[in-house]
C-alpha cells in the first residue's frame, strides 16, 4: 500500500464470485466410515487437499507458506492447489465424489452446497467462533447452521484523488458526509473528460446507495428489491448519471473503478480495499485518501464481500481440517495474510492491530459496523446478474420498473 494515502476515517458515515454449478452429489455427512470421529467430525491419517482461488502470486505464496507451517507443526500432510476456475473445479470435484477437504467458498454458493449435503456445518466447533464479525457469521449461516469460517473480508469506501481535490479548491472539510455533499463535490470535480464520481454498473457498487437509503435486496428474510427506499436510491443515482457528475466506469473507458481512478478518468470512485494493490502496482503516482461513504436518508451504508473456508462432507479427516482452519483464521495468521495480499481480518481481535498497521485504510474497517452483504440464498446470484444487466441502462431507464422486475425474480428465490 502506498504511503501517499491519507485516512479520514471519521469523515461521515470480489464482485461476489459467480454462482457455482451445483451437483446433486451430496456428501456423506458425519458418519463417514473411512475414519474415526471426534466431536462429530471424521478423523483419519489422510492428507488434506486445499483448493483456493488466488488473486495472484502474493496470495498463493502466503497461503502455501501458512499451510506448510501448520503441516510441519501438526504432522498432517497438506497440499494447496490453485484453481484456474474455482467454481467449475469445485463443482467437478463434488460431482466426481472427490472434492478437496477445504476450499474457498463464496456467499452465493453456500446455500446450494449446504442444501445438497456437500458441506459440513462446522462453524460451532470453532474455538474462535465468537471472534468473527456477526455479519460475516450471518453470511455463512444457512437454516440456522453456521457452516464455515469467514477467511477474511472487504468493504467499499470512497476513494478520493487528493491532487484533483486540492486543484478544485476543496479541503478536508469538504469530504462528503451526506448525499447532498457528495453531489456537490462531484459537480465541482467534473470536467470535460473526467467524471466527479465513477463506479461499476452493478449492484455490488450501486447497492451502497440502496443501503444508505435504508433499503436492501433482502430484508428480514423477505425479498425487498422494489421497496420505496431502493427506488429512492436508484433515482438519486440516475439523476447524477444524467447530469454527468456520476458515471459508470465503462462509460469513461475503464474496465472497473480502479482503472478509472488510476487513469484519472474519475476524481472519486466507490471501491474496496483491494484497490490499494492496483494503485501501488499500476498507478503509483496517483495520490489518494480513503473516506467512509457518505450517509444517505437512512444513515451510513456499504456492502461487504467475503469467502469462507468450506469443508467437504466427504472429507475423511475433518478434525485436522478444523484445526487448520483455526490456525488460518487466528489473529496472527490473518494479520500476516493482510500484510501479504491486502484483505481485512474477519475477526474482531485483529481490528486494533490491523488499524494501527493500516491507518490510511481505517475507513474500510469502520464500514464493517454497518455493512450489508449481497443475498446468499440459492439462485440469488442469477437474480443479481440480471439486475446488473438492467443497471447498465439506468441512465435512460425507469428505477421502479427495473426494481419491480428484480423483485419478481427475487421472490422466486427468497419467497
Foldseek 3Di string as FASTA:
>chain_A
DDPLAAADQPQAFVVFDFEADADLQAFPAQPDPPAPHDPSHFADLAAFEEEEADPDDLLVVLVQVLVVVLCVVVVHHYDYDYDPRQRHVQRVCRNVVHHGQKYWAWLQHQQRRVVSHFFYLCLVVAPCNVFFQPQVQVSQADPRGRRFAWLFKKWKFKKFQVVLCVVLVHDPVLPAQELVSLLVQLVSSDDVQAAAEEFALFCQQLVQLLVLLVHAQADPLAGDLLPPSNLVSLVSVLVCVQVRNYYYQVVSPHPGDLRCCLVRNYRMYIDIQLSVVVCVVPRVPGRIFTYGHHHYPNGGEIAMTTIGITGTSNDNRNVVVSVSRSSSLDLVNSLVSCVRRNGHRRGPVNLVVNCVVCVRRNNTVSNSVHYDYHDSFHPSSVLRVQLSVVSVCSNVDRSNVSSVVSSVSVNVGRD
